[in-house]
């Protein structure tokens, strides 16, 4: 019922009592850094008031733990809690700057096998400003591989390297998860996003696996899109998308674009799903510039909490939270990030917004869609394990030797040819992937990092002993080789890329 106050704004009391709690589910909770403690306190108050049956195990992670000497940002006791509860509700954290610290988010996702990142983005027009009132997109992001493997090296004075790792099992698992999610949640189309016109092996594998699996779901439309045009279309016409599945980096970028286009990154929840464990968090970061000011929007973390409730078997409570939240948004009770003068009814802080949601528990939105308590979030989808096929025939045909060198390419080619034996030859030299020998062009800008490709002569064999002997000969003449990559054929198909311009 309505309870008008002296301000003239309307507030609500709960229309019905909270449901009787079920058996409590153990959940590991981290309050995080920056705005984390504020938004976690607000979210937990709402979940408790809604009747969530959670047994909270608090842990400390993030900045303080990093600075206490744990380079990963998490202590062993916290790992013990995560492995015991297998459900993690996490506020954003701050990773200190510097090469001595690794991203805790990535560490947790990979260590616990949380291979699927699920990020729903919904427009709440006209109550939250957006140019795309019909937007409703779910982005499924691969969570363990790609450049987020974090394998980086400085190889020369001028060149740094980051390895992009894409595996067939990882692709199969995330693509199948995306289609399973679409089937379970009534989604009609899945769009695969890669850059396989450039990265033909790594992104090419992701696209290939998508094309292999898609026919198993004939009722779901499928398409592929290059990431640059895909990002442009997502920003301009998000209504054309239903679901997107993408490798780690692209999925991370696209999901933030989608959240902002929908209205605000502060409204976006995220679920990280594995076979045995799950983590729930907001999409946004710790925002230290506004920490302690009671202005942060707790909505992303609160809605992630609703996803968590569905995951642990409490969909009725989840729906209760989401409907109260939507009613609050409809009533114009807004935090500063979404407040619009003349359109919003009341500007509130973090804790007052939580109070407003609590006051509306049991009510439903009048204009936004009402959330049904059916389990429509990621709930342990029965994803098939990747099929193990016959190992391909693997034949070594050459080696790429990477060299730290400053000087003319002609002199380098002469030195690299001087060690060649009769059964193989120097095929080409590239710099930053572009062929500069033989028949390079002088306009090509070069640095101190060169790839020298040796290939077996026609009718000849190549083997590992030859690689070792080649490196020994190069060392003897003072060549500073820094890395090698073996060149294989797999069932007769090249497992390596050509040089640009080759």
Protein backbone atom coordinates (compact mmCIF):
# COMPACT_ATOMS: atom_id res chain seq x y z
CA UNK A 1 0.00 0.00 0.00
CA UNK A 2 1.05 3.63 -0.46
CA UNK A 3 2.46 5.62 2.47
CA UNK A 4 2.90 9.24 1.34
CA UNK A 5 5.39 11.20 3.41
CA UNK A 6 5.87 14.94 3.89
CA UNK A 7 8.24 15.06 0.93
CA UNK A 8 5.38 14.19 -1.38
CA UNK A 9 7.28 11.12 -2.63
CA UNK A 10 5.56 7.80 -2.37
CA UNK A 11 7.15 4.93 -0.49
CA UNK A 12 5.96 1.39 -0.15
CA UNK A 13 5.76 -1.23 2.51
CA UNK A 14 6.10 -4.89 1.68
CA UNK A 15 2.86 -6.17 0.20
CA UNK A 16 3.37 -9.67 1.57
CA UNK A 17 5.65 -11.26 4.16
CA UNK A 18 8.96 -12.75 3.13
CA UNK A 19 8.78 -16.47 2.32
CA UNK A 20 9.78 -18.97 4.94
CA UNK A 21 13.51 -19.64 4.42
CA UNK A 22 14.57 -22.96 2.97
CA UNK A 23 17.60 -24.85 4.19
CA UNK A 24 20.43 -22.34 4.24
CA UNK A 25 23.02 -22.60 1.47
CA UNK A 26 26.65 -21.87 2.37
CA UNK A 27 27.99 -18.95 0.33
CA UNK A 28 31.46 -17.41 0.44
CA UNK A 29 31.20 -13.61 0.44
CA UNK A 30 33.92 -11.02 -0.22
CA UNK A 31 33.18 -7.35 0.41
CA UNK A 32 36.02 -6.25 -1.85
CA UNK A 33 37.67 -2.85 -2.29
CA UNK A 34 36.61 0.67 -3.19
CA UNK A 35 32.82 0.79 -3.35
CA UNK A 36 32.71 -2.96 -2.72
CA UNK A 37 31.85 -2.92 1.01
CA UNK A 38 29.05 -0.39 0.47
CA UNK A 39 27.31 -2.18 -2.37
CA UNK A 40 27.79 -5.62 -0.79
CA UNK A 41 26.22 -4.46 2.49
CA UNK A 42 23.29 -2.98 0.57
CA UNK A 43 22.84 -6.12 -1.54
CA UNK A 44 23.00 -8.53 1.38
CA UNK A 45 20.40 -6.50 3.27
CA UNK A 46 18.00 -6.78 0.33
CA UNK A 47 18.62 -10.51 -0.15
CA UNK A 48 18.07 -11.18 3.56
CA UNK A 49 14.87 -9.12 3.65
CA UNK A 50 13.58 -11.00 0.62
CA UNK A 51 13.95 -14.31 2.47
CA UNK A 52 17.17 -15.66 0.95
CA UNK A 53 18.40 -18.67 2.90
CA UNK A 54 22.14 -18.10 2.82
CA UNK A 55 24.81 -19.06 5.30
CA UNK A 56 27.46 -16.40 4.80
CA UNK A 57 31.17 -17.23 5.06
CA UNK A 58 33.06 -13.91 4.82
CA UNK A 59 36.58 -13.83 3.38
CA UNK A 60 39.05 -11.03 2.69
CA UNK A 61 40.52 -10.65 -0.77
CA UNK A 62 41.97 -7.91 -2.88
CA UNK A 63 44.13 -4.90 -2.13
CA UNK A 64 44.84 -5.55 1.56
CA UNK A 65 45.70 -9.18 0.87
CA UNK A 66 47.97 -8.23 -2.03
CA UNK A 67 49.83 -5.79 0.19
CA UNK A 68 50.10 -8.36 2.97
CA UNK A 69 52.37 -10.35 0.69
CA UNK A 70 49.99 -12.58 -1.28
CA UNK A 71 50.80 -11.79 -4.93
CA UNK A 72 47.60 -13.53 -6.06
CA UNK A 73 45.38 -11.39 -3.78
CA UNK A 74 43.90 -14.37 -1.90
CA UNK A 75 45.09 -16.41 1.08
CA UNK A 76 44.86 -20.18 1.51
CA UNK A 77 42.04 -19.98 4.08
CA UNK A 78 39.90 -18.17 1.50
CA UNK A 79 40.59 -20.88 -1.07
CA UNK A 80 39.44 -23.42 1.52
CA UNK A 81 36.14 -21.57 1.93
CA UNK A 82 35.57 -21.34 -1.83
CA UNK A 83 36.25 -25.03 -2.34
CA UNK A 84 33.91 -25.87 0.54
CA UNK A 85 30.91 -23.70 -0.40
CA UNK A 86 31.43 -23.75 -4.19
CA UNK A 87 29.38 -20.54 -4.43
CA UNK A 88 31.11 -17.14 -4.37
CA UNK A 89 29.36 -13.77 -4.07
CA UNK A 90 32.04 -11.18 -4.74
CA UNK A 91 32.17 -7.40 -4.68
CA UNK A 92 34.68 -5.68 -6.99
CA UNK A 93 38.32 -5.57 -5.94
CA UNK A 94 41.36 -3.47 -6.78
CA UNK A 95 44.45 -5.08 -8.28
CA UNK A 96 47.52 -2.97 -7.45
CA UNK A 97 49.45 -1.63 -10.41
CA UNK A 98 52.73 -3.28 -11.29
CA UNK A 99 54.03 -6.49 -12.78
CA UNK A 100 54.23 -8.23 -9.42
CA UNK A 101 50.47 -8.68 -9.11
CA UNK A 102 48.13 -10.98 -11.04
CA UNK A 103 44.42 -10.35 -11.58
CA UNK A 104 42.51 -12.11 -8.82
CA UNK A 105 39.37 -12.29 -10.95
CA UNK A 106 41.21 -14.22 -13.65
CA UNK A 107 42.95 -16.42 -11.07
CA UNK A 108 39.66 -17.40 -9.41
CA UNK A 109 37.88 -18.06 -12.69
CA UNK A 110 40.65 -20.28 -13.99
CA UNK A 111 41.52 -22.02 -10.73
CA UNK A 112 37.90 -23.03 -10.07
CA UNK A 113 37.14 -23.89 -13.69
CA UNK A 114 34.53 -21.13 -14.14
CA UNK A 115 34.60 -21.42 -17.89
CA UNK A 116 31.38 -19.54 -18.77
CA UNK A 117 30.87 -15.85 -18.06
CA UNK A 118 27.18 -14.95 -18.40
CA UNK A 119 26.31 -11.27 -18.74
CA UNK A 120 22.66 -10.35 -19.41
CA UNK A 121 22.07 -6.75 -20.51
CA UNK A 122 18.56 -5.35 -20.48
CA UNK A 123 17.23 -1.86 -21.21
CA UNK A 124 14.82 -0.49 -18.58
CA UNK A 125 13.30 2.24 -20.73
CA UNK A 126 11.80 4.70 -20.20
CA UNK A 127 12.88 4.63 -16.55
CA UNK A 128 16.60 4.43 -17.31
CA UNK A 129 17.77 6.59 -20.18
CA UNK A 130 18.79 4.64 -23.28
CA UNK A 131 18.57 5.02 -27.04
CA UNK A 132 17.65 1.36 -27.38
CA UNK A 133 14.53 0.61 -25.31
CA UNK A 134 14.09 -2.87 -26.79
CA UNK A 135 17.57 -4.12 -25.94
CA UNK A 136 17.77 -7.56 -24.31
CA UNK A 137 21.06 -9.32 -25.04
CA UNK A 138 22.92 -12.09 -23.22
CA UNK A 139 26.67 -12.30 -23.78
CA UNK A 140 28.39 -15.62 -23.09
CA UNK A 141 32.12 -15.05 -22.73
CA UNK A 142 34.74 -17.78 -22.63
CA UNK A 143 36.40 -17.29 -19.26
CA UNK A 144 39.67 -19.24 -19.06
CA UNK A 145 41.71 -18.86 -22.24
CA UNK A 146 42.70 -16.37 -24.93
CA UNK A 147 45.04 -13.51 -24.00
CA UNK A 148 43.77 -13.76 -20.43
CA UNK A 149 46.12 -16.67 -19.94
CA UNK A 150 48.41 -13.82 -18.95
CA UNK A 151 51.53 -15.42 -20.42
CA UNK A 152 53.71 -12.44 -21.29
CA UNK A 153 57.41 -11.98 -21.95
CA UNK A 154 59.76 -9.16 -22.74
CA UNK A 155 61.94 -10.59 -25.48
CA UNK A 156 64.08 -7.68 -26.65
CA UNK A 157 64.72 -4.06 -25.72
CA UNK A 158 61.78 -3.05 -27.92
CA UNK A 159 59.40 -6.00 -28.09
CA UNK A 160 56.99 -7.52 -25.59
CA UNK A 161 54.86 -10.60 -26.22
CA UNK A 162 51.52 -11.91 -24.96
CA UNK A 163 50.49 -15.43 -25.94
CA UNK A 164 46.95 -16.03 -27.19
CA UNK A 165 45.89 -19.56 -26.27
CA UNK A 166 42.71 -21.06 -27.74
CA UNK A 167 41.94 -24.76 -27.21
CA UNK A 168 39.45 -27.05 -28.89
CA UNK A 169 38.04 -28.32 -25.55
CA UNK A 170 37.62 -24.74 -24.35
CA UNK A 171 35.83 -23.72 -27.55
CA UNK A 172 33.56 -26.76 -27.51
CA UNK A 173 32.61 -26.22 -23.90
CA UNK A 174 31.70 -22.52 -24.18
CA UNK A 175 29.92 -22.81 -27.54
CA UNK A 176 27.84 -25.75 -26.33
CA UNK A 177 27.08 -23.86 -23.11
CA UNK A 178 25.83 -20.90 -25.15
CA UNK A 179 23.46 -23.06 -27.18
CA UNK A 180 22.32 -24.93 -24.05
CA UNK A 181 21.61 -21.61 -22.37
CA UNK A 182 19.69 -20.41 -25.43
CA UNK A 183 17.59 -23.56 -25.49
CA UNK A 184 16.82 -23.45 -21.77
CA UNK A 185 15.98 -19.74 -21.75
CA UNK A 186 13.96 -19.55 -24.95
CA UNK A 187 16.52 -17.54 -26.90
CA UNK A 188 16.18 -17.62 -30.68
CA UNK A 189 19.62 -16.77 -32.08
CA UNK A 190 23.30 -17.06 -31.12
CA UNK A 191 25.91 -14.84 -32.78
CA UNK A 192 29.54 -15.95 -32.73
CA UNK A 193 32.05 -13.07 -32.70
CA UNK A 194 35.74 -13.51 -33.61
CA UNK A 195 38.54 -11.91 -35.65
CA UNK A 196 39.31 -15.01 -37.71
CA UNK A 197 39.97 -13.03 -40.88
CA UNK A 198 43.28 -12.09 -39.20
CA UNK A 199 43.90 -14.77 -36.54
CA UNK A 200 43.04 -17.70 -38.75
CA UNK A 201 44.27 -20.45 -36.42
CA UNK A 202 43.17 -19.28 -32.96
CA UNK A 203 39.99 -17.35 -33.72
CA UNK A 204 39.55 -19.64 -36.71
CA UNK A 205 39.26 -22.61 -34.34
CA UNK A 206 36.59 -20.84 -32.27
CA UNK A 207 34.55 -20.12 -35.41
CA UNK A 208 35.06 -23.64 -36.74
CA UNK A 209 33.83 -25.24 -33.51
CA UNK A 210 30.81 -22.91 -33.51
CA UNK A 211 29.93 -24.06 -37.03
CA UNK A 212 30.34 -27.72 -35.99
CA UNK A 213 28.06 -27.46 -32.94
CA UNK A 214 25.35 -25.12 -34.25
CA UNK A 215 23.56 -27.81 -36.36
CA UNK A 216 22.88 -29.79 -33.17
CA UNK A 217 20.45 -27.00 -32.19
CA UNK A 218 18.28 -26.63 -35.32
CA UNK A 219 15.63 -24.54 -33.57
CA UNK A 220 18.19 -21.80 -32.76
CA UNK A 221 19.40 -19.48 -35.52
CA UNK A 222 23.13 -18.91 -35.72
CA UNK A 223 25.48 -16.45 -37.40
CA UNK A 224 29.10 -15.34 -37.29
CA UNK A 225 30.37 -11.77 -37.23
CA UNK A 226 33.84 -10.19 -37.25
CA UNK A 227 34.38 -8.43 -33.93
CA UNK A 228 34.93 -4.91 -35.26
CA UNK A 229 31.66 -4.73 -37.18
CA UNK A 230 30.00 -6.77 -34.43
CA UNK A 231 30.98 -4.18 -31.82
CA UNK A 232 29.81 -1.35 -34.08
CA UNK A 233 26.43 -2.99 -34.62
CA UNK A 234 26.05 -3.82 -30.94
CA UNK A 235 26.59 -0.16 -30.09
CA UNK A 236 24.31 1.10 -32.88
CA UNK A 237 21.57 -1.52 -33.27
CA UNK A 238 21.69 -3.92 -30.31
CA UNK A 239 18.13 -5.03 -31.06
CA UNK A 240 19.47 -7.25 -33.85
CA UNK A 241 21.25 -9.44 -31.28
CA UNK A 242 19.72 -12.04 -28.98
CA UNK A 243 22.78 -13.87 -27.65
CA UNK A 244 26.50 -13.47 -28.34
CA UNK A 245 29.23 -16.03 -27.69
CA UNK A 246 32.84 -14.89 -27.93
CA UNK A 247 36.40 -15.60 -26.83
CA UNK A 248 37.55 -14.04 -23.58
CA UNK A 249 38.84 -10.61 -24.62
CA UNK A 250 36.11 -9.82 -27.15
CA UNK A 251 33.43 -10.98 -24.72
CA UNK A 252 34.81 -8.73 -21.99
CA UNK A 253 34.79 -5.67 -24.23
CA UNK A 254 31.44 -6.39 -25.87
CA UNK A 255 29.68 -6.96 -22.54
CA UNK A 256 30.78 -3.56 -21.23
CA UNK A 257 29.63 -1.92 -24.47
CA UNK A 258 26.29 -3.67 -24.16
CA UNK A 259 25.84 -2.67 -20.51
CA UNK A 260 26.54 0.99 -21.22
CA UNK A 261 24.32 1.04 -24.31
CA UNK A 262 21.50 -0.49 -22.25
CA UNK A 263 21.68 2.32 -19.73
CA UNK A 264 24.56 1.97 -17.28
CA UNK A 265 27.40 -0.41 -16.50
CA UNK A 266 26.27 -0.02 -12.89
CA UNK A 267 23.14 -2.08 -13.63
CA UNK A 268 24.89 -5.08 -15.17
CA UNK A 269 25.25 -8.39 -13.30
CA UNK A 270 27.62 -11.22 -14.13
CA UNK A 271 27.71 -14.94 -13.41
CA UNK A 272 30.78 -17.15 -13.76
CA UNK A 273 29.70 -20.76 -14.13
CA UNK A 274 31.76 -23.93 -13.87
CA UNK A 275 30.99 -27.61 -13.55
CA UNK A 276 31.47 -27.59 -9.77
CA UNK A 277 31.59 -23.92 -8.69
CA UNK A 278 30.08 -20.54 -9.53
CA UNK A 279 30.89 -16.90 -8.83
CA UNK A 280 28.51 -13.94 -9.00
CA UNK A 281 29.57 -10.30 -9.27
CA UNK A 282 28.84 -6.96 -10.86
CA UNK A 283 30.36 -6.18 -14.24
CA UNK A 284 31.90 -2.89 -13.06
CA UNK A 285 35.06 -2.34 -11.08
CA UNK A 286 35.84 -1.03 -7.60
CA UNK A 287 35.54 2.71 -8.50
CA UNK A 288 37.84 3.98 -5.74
CA UNK A 289 37.17 7.59 -6.76
CA UNK A 290 33.64 7.41 -5.29
CA UNK A 291 34.30 4.96 -2.44
CA UNK A 292 32.84 5.91 0.93
CA UNK A 293 30.51 8.57 -0.48
CA UNK A 294 27.28 6.51 -0.45
CA UNK A 295 26.64 7.28 -4.13
CA UNK A 296 27.48 3.95 -5.79
CA UNK A 297 24.76 1.95 -7.55
CA UNK A 298 24.46 -1.51 -5.99
CA UNK A 299 22.15 -2.76 -8.73
CA UNK A 300 24.71 -4.81 -10.68
CA UNK A 301 25.79 -6.70 -7.58
CA UNK A 302 22.21 -7.08 -6.33
CA UNK A 303 21.02 -8.51 -9.65
CA UNK A 304 24.04 -10.84 -9.64
CA UNK A 305 22.79 -11.94 -6.22
CA UNK A 306 19.44 -12.76 -7.81
CA UNK A 307 21.24 -14.89 -10.41
CA UNK A 308 23.00 -16.61 -7.52
CA UNK A 309 19.69 -17.37 -5.82
CA UNK A 310 18.42 -19.10 -8.94
CA UNK A 311 21.66 -21.05 -9.15
CA UNK A 312 21.30 -22.36 -5.57
CA UNK A 313 17.64 -23.32 -6.05
CA UNK A 314 15.80 -20.27 -4.67
CA UNK A 315 14.18 -18.81 -7.82
CA UNK A 316 11.12 -17.54 -5.94
CA UNK A 317 13.30 -15.32 -3.77
CA UNK A 318 15.24 -14.21 -6.83
CA UNK A 319 12.04 -13.16 -8.59
CA UNK A 320 10.93 -11.33 -5.47
CA UNK A 321 14.16 -9.33 -5.43
CA UNK A 322 14.10 -8.56 -9.15
CA UNK A 323 10.46 -7.45 -9.17
CA UNK A 324 11.01 -5.17 -6.18
CA UNK A 325 14.10 -3.74 -7.86
CA UNK A 326 12.19 -3.12 -11.09
CA UNK A 327 9.38 -1.46 -9.15
CA UNK A 328 11.93 0.81 -7.49
CA UNK A 329 13.41 1.76 -10.86
CA UNK A 330 9.91 2.39 -12.25
CA UNK A 331 9.11 4.68 -9.32
CA UNK A 332 12.06 6.87 -10.22
CA UNK A 333 14.10 6.18 -7.11
CA UNK A 334 17.54 6.45 -8.67
CA UNK A 335 21.19 6.66 -7.69
CA UNK A 336 23.32 9.43 -9.25
CA UNK A 337 24.57 7.37 -12.21
CA UNK A 338 21.04 6.99 -13.65
CA UNK A 339 19.30 10.02 -12.11
CA UNK A 340 17.89 12.48 -14.64
CA UNK A 341 16.58 15.83 -13.43
CA UNK A 342 12.90 16.23 -14.26
CA UNK A 343 12.42 12.52 -15.05
CA UNK A 344 13.60 10.71 -11.94
CA UNK A 345 11.49 11.16 -8.82
CA UNK A 346 14.11 10.89 -6.09
CA UNK A 347 17.90 11.01 -5.92
CA UNK A 348 19.15 8.52 -3.34
CA UNK A 349 22.41 7.05 -2.14
CA UNK A 350 23.52 3.44 -1.99
CA UNK A 351 21.87 2.48 1.28
CA UNK A 352 18.68 4.47 0.70
CA UNK A 353 18.26 2.71 -2.63
CA UNK A 354 18.53 -0.64 -0.83
CA UNK A 355 15.91 0.57 1.66
CA UNK A 356 13.62 1.50 -1.23
CA UNK A 357 13.94 -1.98 -2.75
CA UNK A 358 13.28 -3.62 0.60
CA UNK A 359 10.15 -1.48 1.04
CA UNK A 360 8.82 -2.81 -2.27
CA UNK A 361 9.43 -6.52 -1.69
CA UNK A 362 6.29 -8.38 -2.64
CA UNK A 363 5.24 -5.78 -5.22
CA UNK A 364 5.56 -6.10 -8.97
CA UNK A 365 6.42 -3.55 -11.64
CA UNK A 366 3.51 -1.98 -13.47
CA UNK A 367 5.29 -1.33 -16.76
CA UNK A 368 8.49 -3.36 -16.92
CA UNK A 369 8.05 -7.11 -17.44
CA UNK A 370 7.35 -9.07 -14.27
CA UNK A 371 9.98 -11.68 -13.47
CA UNK A 372 8.57 -15.18 -13.27
CA UNK A 373 10.14 -17.43 -10.59
CA UNK A 374 10.95 -20.09 -13.18
CA UNK A 375 14.68 -20.90 -13.21
CA UNK A 376 15.75 -18.92 -16.26
CA UNK A 377 19.27 -17.95 -15.16
CA UNK A 378 22.35 -20.18 -15.57
CA UNK A 379 21.46 -23.20 -13.46
CA UNK A 380 23.94 -26.02 -13.89
CA UNK A 381 23.21 -26.54 -17.56
CA UNK A 382 24.01 -30.13 -18.54
CA UNK A 383 26.82 -29.33 -20.94
CA UNK A 384 28.27 -32.34 -22.72
CA UNK A 385 31.97 -32.97 -22.28
CA UNK A 386 34.11 -32.28 -25.35
CA UNK A 387 34.45 -35.19 -27.72
CA UNK A 388 37.96 -36.63 -27.82
CA UNK A 389 38.72 -37.39 -31.45
CA UNK A 390 41.55 -39.39 -32.95
CA UNK A 391 44.84 -37.53 -32.46
CA UNK A 392 45.93 -36.10 -35.82
CA UNK A 393 49.11 -37.21 -37.51
CA UNK A 394 51.70 -34.64 -36.43
CA UNK A 395 54.76 -34.07 -38.64
CA UNK A 396 57.57 -31.62 -37.87
CA UNK A 397 58.53 -29.73 -41.05
CA UNK A 398 60.54 -26.79 -39.78
CA UNK A 399 61.22 -24.27 -37.04
CA UNK A 400 60.82 -20.53 -36.48
CA UNK A 401 63.81 -19.03 -34.67
CA UNK A 402 63.20 -15.62 -33.12
CA UNK A 403 66.25 -13.38 -32.90
CA UNK A 404 67.19 -10.19 -31.04
CA UNK A 405 69.16 -8.19 -33.62
CA UNK A 406 69.86 -4.59 -34.64
CA UNK A 407 71.13 -4.11 -38.15
CA UNK A 408 70.35 -4.63 -41.83
CA UNK A 409 68.18 -7.61 -42.67
CA UNK A 410 70.59 -8.64 -45.43
CA UNK A 411 73.36 -9.16 -42.87
CA UNK A 412 71.02 -11.15 -40.63
CA UNK A 413 69.96 -13.34 -43.56
CA UNK A 414 73.59 -14.02 -44.42
CA UNK A 415 74.34 -15.13 -40.86
CA UNK A 416 71.20 -17.26 -40.58
CA UNK A 417 71.98 -18.96 -43.91
CA UNK A 418 75.56 -19.67 -42.94
CA UNK A 419 74.46 -22.40 -40.51
CA UNK A 420 72.06 -24.15 -42.89
CA UNK A 421 72.54 -27.86 -43.58
CA UNK A 422 71.57 -29.51 -46.84
CA UNK A 423 68.25 -30.95 -45.61
CA UNK A 424 66.58 -27.63 -44.84
CA UNK A 425 66.79 -23.98 -45.80
CA UNK A 426 66.00 -20.46 -44.60
CA UNK A 427 62.63 -19.71 -46.18
CA UNK A 428 61.94 -16.19 -44.97
CA UNK A 429 62.55 -13.55 -42.30
CA UNK A 430 59.72 -11.47 -40.87
CA UNK A 431 59.60 -8.48 -38.56
CA UNK A 432 56.44 -8.09 -36.50
CA UNK A 433 54.87 -10.65 -38.81
CA UNK A 434 55.70 -8.91 -42.12
CA UNK A 435 58.05 -10.62 -44.59
CA UNK A 436 61.20 -8.51 -44.99
CA UNK A 437 63.45 -11.14 -46.62
CA UNK A 438 63.68 -12.21 -49.37
CA UNK A 439 62.26 -9.44 -51.55
CA UNK A 440 61.21 -7.14 -48.73
CA UNK A 441 60.48 -3.46 -49.36
CA UNK A 442 62.44 -0.64 -47.70
CA UNK A 443 59.34 1.17 -46.46
CA UNK A 444 58.60 -1.60 -43.88
CA UNK A 445 59.24 -0.35 -40.34
CA UNK A 446 61.38 -2.82 -38.39
CA UNK A 447 62.23 -3.30 -34.75
CA UNK A 448 64.84 -5.52 -33.04
CA UNK A 449 62.69 -8.69 -33.10
CA UNK A 450 63.00 -11.03 -36.10
CA UNK A 451 61.43 -14.37 -37.02
CA UNK A 452 63.64 -16.60 -39.16
CA UNK A 453 61.79 -19.55 -40.67
CA UNK A 454 63.62 -22.74 -41.58
CA UNK A 455 61.72 -25.34 -43.63
CA UNK A 456 62.75 -28.86 -44.65
CA UNK A 457 63.83 -29.20 -48.28
CA UNK A 458 61.44 -31.07 -50.61
CA UNK A 459 61.59 -34.79 -49.92
CA UNK A 460 63.62 -34.26 -46.73
CA UNK A 461 62.65 -34.84 -43.10
CA UNK A 462 63.00 -32.46 -40.15
CA UNK A 463 63.45 -33.56 -36.54
CA UNK A 464 64.14 -32.20 -33.07
CA UNK A 465 67.81 -33.16 -33.20
CA UNK A 466 68.18 -30.87 -36.21
CA UNK A 467 66.61 -28.02 -34.21
CA UNK A 468 69.10 -28.53 -31.39
CA UNK A 469 71.99 -28.66 -33.86
CA UNK A 470 70.73 -25.51 -35.59
CA UNK A 471 70.62 -23.61 -32.31
CA UNK A 472 74.10 -24.85 -31.42
CA UNK A 473 75.45 -23.52 -34.73
CA UNK A 474 73.68 -20.17 -34.23
CA UNK A 475 75.11 -19.85 -30.73
CA UNK A 476 78.58 -20.56 -32.07
CA UNK A 477 78.45 -17.55 -34.40
CA UNK A 478 76.94 -15.26 -31.75
CA UNK A 479 73.30 -15.10 -32.85
CA UNK A 480 71.06 -14.00 -29.94
CA UNK A 481 68.12 -16.37 -30.42
CA UNK A 482 65.36 -15.78 -27.88
CA UNK A 483 62.63 -18.25 -28.75
CA UNK A 484 61.75 -21.11 -31.11
CA UNK A 485 58.44 -22.42 -32.40
CA UNK A 486 58.23 -25.82 -34.06
CA UNK A 487 56.30 -25.93 -37.33
CA UNK A 488 53.99 -28.92 -37.68
CA UNK A 489 51.60 -30.37 -40.19
CA UNK A 490 48.49 -31.92 -38.62
CA UNK A 491 46.98 -34.51 -40.96
CA UNK A 492 48.75 -32.66 -43.74
CA UNK A 493 47.36 -29.24 -42.81
CA UNK A 494 49.76 -26.49 -41.76
CA UNK A 495 49.62 -25.73 -38.04
CA UNK A 496 51.31 -22.36 -38.51
CA UNK A 497 50.48 -19.11 -40.27
CA UNK A 498 52.16 -17.59 -43.29
CA UNK A 499 54.09 -14.37 -42.96
CA UNK A 500 52.25 -11.26 -44.04
CA UNK A 501 53.29 -10.67 -47.63
CA UNK A 502 54.54 -14.26 -48.06
